[in-house]
Amino acid sequence: MLTIGEFANLGGVSARMLRHYDKIGLLSPAHIGMENGYRYYDDTQLSVVEQIEALQNYGFTLTKIKELLPLPQRQLAEEIHVQRIKVYADLN
C-alpha cells in the first residue's frame, strides 16, 4: 500500500487531486485507515490515474471520464475516436 503522497508522486498528480477524484467517485483509495483516516492506494491503481490523465488530454470532463472508465476497451476506443473528431472539427 502506498500513502496518498507516495501514490501522487508516482502518478504525477497532486494529493489534492486524488482527494477530489475520491470525492466525485472517480478513484477511491484501496484502503482508508480506521485509526487515522489516511488514504492508501494500491500500485495497481496507477493505471487508472494514467487513464484519467489520458482521457483529460483528449478533452473529456471528469464527469464524462467517470462514465467512460468502466466501458470495455472497444467501446472506450470508439468514444475516444468520436471525441478526437469533435475536437478536430472545433479547430476548423
N, C-alpha and C. Protein backbone atom coordinates (compact mmCIF):
# COMPACT_ATOMS: atom_id res chain seq x y z
N MET A 1 0.84 -1.19 0.00
CA MET A 1 0.00 0.00 0.00
C MET A 1 0.88 1.25 0.00
N LEU A 2 0.41 2.23 -0.71
CA LEU A 2 1.13 3.50 -0.82
C LEU A 2 0.32 4.60 -0.14
N THR A 3 1.01 5.49 0.53
CA THR A 3 0.33 6.65 1.11
C THR A 3 -0.14 7.54 -0.03
N ILE A 4 -1.02 8.46 0.26
CA ILE A 4 -1.52 9.35 -0.77
C ILE A 4 -0.38 10.16 -1.39
N GLY A 5 0.59 10.56 -0.58
CA GLY A 5 1.72 11.32 -1.10
C GLY A 5 2.59 10.50 -2.03
N GLU A 6 2.88 9.28 -1.63
CA GLU A 6 3.69 8.38 -2.48
C GLU A 6 2.96 8.09 -3.79
N PHE A 7 1.67 7.81 -3.68
CA PHE A 7 0.88 7.50 -4.87
C PHE A 7 0.79 8.71 -5.79
N ALA A 8 0.60 9.88 -5.21
CA ALA A 8 0.52 11.11 -6.01
C ALA A 8 1.83 11.33 -6.78
N ASN A 9 2.96 11.14 -6.11
CA ASN A 9 4.25 11.31 -6.78
C ASN A 9 4.43 10.33 -7.92
N LEU A 10 4.08 9.08 -7.69
CA LEU A 10 4.22 8.05 -8.72
C LEU A 10 3.26 8.30 -9.89
N GLY A 11 2.07 8.80 -9.58
CA GLY A 11 1.06 9.03 -10.60
C GLY A 11 1.15 10.37 -11.30
N GLY A 12 2.00 11.24 -10.78
CA GLY A 12 2.17 12.55 -11.40
C GLY A 12 0.99 13.48 -11.20
N VAL A 13 0.25 13.27 -10.12
CA VAL A 13 -0.87 14.14 -9.77
C VAL A 13 -0.68 14.60 -8.33
N SER A 14 -1.44 15.59 -7.94
CA SER A 14 -1.33 16.08 -6.57
C SER A 14 -2.22 15.26 -5.63
N ALA A 15 -1.87 15.28 -4.37
CA ALA A 15 -2.71 14.63 -3.36
C ALA A 15 -4.08 15.30 -3.32
N ARG A 16 -4.09 16.60 -3.55
CA ARG A 16 -5.37 17.33 -3.58
C ARG A 16 -6.27 16.81 -4.70
N MET A 17 -5.67 16.53 -5.87
CA MET A 17 -6.45 16.00 -6.99
C MET A 17 -6.98 14.60 -6.66
N LEU A 18 -6.16 13.79 -5.99
CA LEU A 18 -6.62 12.45 -5.60
C LEU A 18 -7.79 12.53 -4.63
N ARG A 19 -7.75 13.50 -3.73
CA ARG A 19 -8.88 13.69 -2.81
C ARG A 19 -10.14 14.09 -3.59
N HIS A 20 -9.94 14.92 -4.61
CA HIS A 20 -11.07 15.34 -5.44
C HIS A 20 -11.63 14.15 -6.22
N TYR A 21 -10.74 13.33 -6.79
CA TYR A 21 -11.19 12.13 -7.50
C TYR A 21 -12.01 11.24 -6.58
N ASP A 22 -11.58 11.11 -5.35
CA ASP A 22 -12.31 10.30 -4.38
C ASP A 22 -13.67 10.92 -4.08
N LYS A 23 -13.69 12.22 -3.90
CA LYS A 23 -14.93 12.93 -3.56
C LYS A 23 -15.99 12.77 -4.64
N ILE A 24 -15.58 12.77 -5.92
CA ILE A 24 -16.55 12.67 -7.01
C ILE A 24 -16.77 11.22 -7.45
N GLY A 25 -16.11 10.28 -6.78
CA GLY A 25 -16.33 8.87 -7.08
C GLY A 25 -15.57 8.36 -8.29
N LEU A 26 -14.52 9.07 -8.68
CA LEU A 26 -13.74 8.67 -9.85
C LEU A 26 -12.68 7.65 -9.51
N LEU A 27 -11.98 7.85 -8.41
CA LEU A 27 -10.95 6.93 -7.95
C LEU A 27 -10.89 6.98 -6.43
N SER A 28 -11.30 5.90 -5.82
CA SER A 28 -11.29 5.82 -4.36
C SER A 28 -10.05 5.08 -3.89
N PRO A 29 -9.55 5.43 -2.70
CA PRO A 29 -8.40 4.70 -2.17
C PRO A 29 -8.74 3.23 -1.97
N ALA A 30 -7.72 2.39 -2.05
CA ALA A 30 -7.91 0.96 -1.82
C ALA A 30 -8.24 0.70 -0.36
N HIS A 31 -7.74 1.58 0.52
CA HIS A 31 -7.95 1.40 1.96
C HIS A 31 -7.89 2.77 2.64
N ILE A 32 -8.73 2.94 3.63
CA ILE A 32 -8.67 4.14 4.48
C ILE A 32 -8.43 3.66 5.89
N GLY A 33 -7.37 4.18 6.50
CA GLY A 33 -7.02 3.77 7.86
C GLY A 33 -8.12 4.13 8.85
N MET A 34 -8.57 3.14 9.59
CA MET A 34 -9.63 3.37 10.58
C MET A 34 -9.14 4.25 11.73
N GLU A 35 -7.88 4.10 12.09
CA GLU A 35 -7.35 4.83 13.23
C GLU A 35 -6.96 6.27 12.90
N ASN A 36 -6.59 6.52 11.63
CA ASN A 36 -6.10 7.85 11.30
C ASN A 36 -6.82 8.50 10.11
N GLY A 37 -7.65 7.76 9.38
CA GLY A 37 -8.36 8.31 8.23
C GLY A 37 -7.48 8.52 7.01
N TYR A 38 -6.23 8.07 7.06
CA TYR A 38 -5.32 8.23 5.93
C TYR A 38 -5.78 7.39 4.75
N ARG A 39 -5.55 7.92 3.58
CA ARG A 39 -5.88 7.21 2.35
C ARG A 39 -4.66 6.42 1.89
N TYR A 40 -4.90 5.16 1.51
CA TYR A 40 -3.83 4.31 0.99
C TYR A 40 -4.27 3.76 -0.37
N TYR A 41 -3.34 3.75 -1.28
CA TYR A 41 -3.61 3.30 -2.64
C TYR A 41 -2.75 2.09 -2.97
N ASP A 42 -3.27 1.27 -3.85
CA ASP A 42 -2.55 0.10 -4.35
C ASP A 42 -1.83 0.52 -5.63
N ASP A 43 -0.64 0.00 -5.85
CA ASP A 43 0.10 0.41 -7.04
C ASP A 43 -0.61 0.02 -8.34
N THR A 44 -1.52 -0.93 -8.29
CA THR A 44 -2.28 -1.29 -9.48
C THR A 44 -3.23 -0.17 -9.90
N GLN A 45 -3.53 0.75 -8.99
CA GLN A 45 -4.42 1.87 -9.30
C GLN A 45 -3.72 2.95 -10.13
N LEU A 46 -2.41 2.84 -10.28
CA LEU A 46 -1.68 3.82 -11.09
C LEU A 46 -2.17 3.82 -12.53
N SER A 47 -2.55 2.67 -13.03
CA SER A 47 -3.05 2.60 -14.42
C SER A 47 -4.34 3.40 -14.57
N VAL A 48 -5.14 3.47 -13.52
CA VAL A 48 -6.38 4.25 -13.57
C VAL A 48 -6.05 5.73 -13.63
N VAL A 49 -5.06 6.16 -12.85
CA VAL A 49 -4.64 7.56 -12.88
C VAL A 49 -4.12 7.91 -14.28
N GLU A 50 -3.34 7.02 -14.86
CA GLU A 50 -2.82 7.26 -16.21
C GLU A 50 -3.96 7.37 -17.21
N GLN A 51 -4.95 6.52 -17.06
CA GLN A 51 -6.09 6.55 -17.97
C GLN A 51 -6.89 7.84 -17.80
N ILE A 52 -7.08 8.27 -16.57
CA ILE A 52 -7.79 9.53 -16.31
C ILE A 52 -7.06 10.69 -16.96
N GLU A 53 -5.76 10.74 -16.78
CA GLU A 53 -4.96 11.82 -17.36
C GLU A 53 -5.02 11.79 -18.89
N ALA A 54 -4.94 10.60 -19.47
CA ALA A 54 -5.00 10.48 -20.93
C ALA A 54 -6.36 10.96 -21.45
N LEU A 55 -7.43 10.57 -20.78
CA LEU A 55 -8.77 10.99 -21.21
C LEU A 55 -8.96 12.49 -21.05
N GLN A 56 -8.37 13.07 -20.02
CA GLN A 56 -8.43 14.53 -19.87
C GLN A 56 -7.71 15.21 -21.02
N ASN A 57 -6.60 14.62 -21.46
CA ASN A 57 -5.85 15.19 -22.59
C ASN A 57 -6.66 15.16 -23.88
N TYR A 58 -7.59 14.22 -23.98
CA TYR A 58 -8.49 14.18 -25.14
C TYR A 58 -9.63 15.18 -25.02
N GLY A 59 -9.73 15.84 -23.87
CA GLY A 59 -10.74 16.87 -23.68
C GLY A 59 -11.99 16.43 -22.95
N PHE A 60 -11.98 15.22 -22.40
CA PHE A 60 -13.13 14.75 -21.65
C PHE A 60 -13.16 15.40 -20.27
N THR A 61 -14.36 15.68 -19.78
CA THR A 61 -14.52 16.20 -18.42
C THR A 61 -14.40 15.05 -17.43
N LEU A 62 -14.18 15.37 -16.17
CA LEU A 62 -14.10 14.32 -15.15
C LEU A 62 -15.43 13.58 -15.02
N THR A 63 -16.53 14.29 -15.20
CA THR A 63 -17.84 13.64 -15.15
C THR A 63 -17.96 12.60 -16.26
N LYS A 64 -17.54 12.96 -17.46
CA LYS A 64 -17.60 12.03 -18.59
C LYS A 64 -16.60 10.88 -18.39
N ILE A 65 -15.43 11.18 -17.84
CA ILE A 65 -14.42 10.15 -17.60
C ILE A 65 -14.98 9.10 -16.63
N LYS A 66 -15.73 9.54 -15.65
CA LYS A 66 -16.34 8.60 -14.70
C LYS A 66 -17.25 7.62 -15.44
N GLU A 67 -17.93 8.08 -16.47
CA GLU A 67 -18.79 7.21 -17.28
C GLU A 67 -17.96 6.29 -18.18
N LEU A 68 -16.82 6.78 -18.64
CA LEU A 68 -16.01 6.04 -19.60
C LEU A 68 -15.16 4.93 -18.98
N LEU A 69 -14.68 5.13 -17.77
CA LEU A 69 -13.75 4.17 -17.17
C LEU A 69 -14.26 2.73 -17.12
N PRO A 70 -15.52 2.49 -16.82
CA PRO A 70 -15.96 1.09 -16.76
C PRO A 70 -16.24 0.45 -18.13
N LEU A 71 -16.17 1.21 -19.20
CA LEU A 71 -16.51 0.68 -20.52
C LEU A 71 -15.48 -0.35 -20.99
N PRO A 72 -15.94 -1.30 -21.80
CA PRO A 72 -14.98 -2.23 -22.42
C PRO A 72 -14.04 -1.45 -23.35
N GLN A 73 -12.86 -1.97 -23.58
CA GLN A 73 -11.83 -1.28 -24.36
C GLN A 73 -12.34 -0.84 -25.73
N ARG A 74 -13.07 -1.69 -26.42
CA ARG A 74 -13.55 -1.35 -27.77
C ARG A 74 -14.49 -0.15 -27.73
N GLN A 75 -15.40 -0.16 -26.78
CA GLN A 75 -16.34 0.95 -26.66
C GLN A 75 -15.63 2.24 -26.24
N LEU A 76 -14.65 2.11 -25.36
CA LEU A 76 -13.85 3.27 -24.95
C LEU A 76 -13.10 3.84 -26.15
N ALA A 77 -12.53 2.98 -26.97
CA ALA A 77 -11.81 3.43 -28.17
C ALA A 77 -12.74 4.18 -29.11
N GLU A 78 -13.97 3.71 -29.24
CA GLU A 78 -14.94 4.40 -30.09
C GLU A 78 -15.26 5.79 -29.54
N GLU A 79 -15.43 5.89 -28.24
CA GLU A 79 -15.70 7.19 -27.60
C GLU A 79 -14.54 8.16 -27.82
N ILE A 80 -13.33 7.65 -27.70
CA ILE A 80 -12.14 8.49 -27.93
C ILE A 80 -12.09 8.94 -29.38
N HIS A 81 -12.39 8.04 -30.29
CA HIS A 81 -12.38 8.38 -31.71
C HIS A 81 -13.38 9.51 -32.01
N VAL A 82 -14.58 9.38 -31.48
CA VAL A 82 -15.61 10.41 -31.68
C VAL A 82 -15.13 11.74 -31.08
N GLN A 83 -14.51 11.69 -29.91
CA GLN A 83 -14.02 12.91 -29.26
C GLN A 83 -12.93 13.57 -30.09
N ARG A 84 -12.03 12.77 -30.63
CA ARG A 84 -10.95 13.31 -31.47
C ARG A 84 -11.51 14.01 -32.70
N ILE A 85 -12.51 13.41 -33.33
CA ILE A 85 -13.14 14.02 -34.49
C ILE A 85 -13.81 15.34 -34.09
N LYS A 86 -14.46 15.35 -32.95
CA LYS A 86 -15.12 16.56 -32.47
C LYS A 86 -14.12 17.68 -32.21
N VAL A 87 -13.04 17.35 -31.54
CA VAL A 87 -12.00 18.35 -31.23
C VAL A 87 -11.40 18.88 -32.54
N TYR A 88 -11.12 17.97 -33.47
CA TYR A 88 -10.55 18.39 -34.76
C TYR A 88 -11.51 19.32 -35.49
N ALA A 89 -12.80 19.00 -35.48
CA ALA A 89 -13.80 19.83 -36.14
C ALA A 89 -13.89 21.21 -35.49
N ASP A 90 -13.74 21.23 -34.16
CA ASP A 90 -13.79 22.51 -33.44
C ASP A 90 -12.61 23.41 -33.78
N LEU A 91 -11.51 22.81 -34.20
CA LEU A 91 -10.33 23.60 -34.57
C LEU A 91 -10.51 24.32 -35.89
N ASN A 92 -11.37 23.81 -36.73
CA ASN A 92 -11.56 24.40 -38.06
C ASN A 92 -12.65 25.40 -38.09
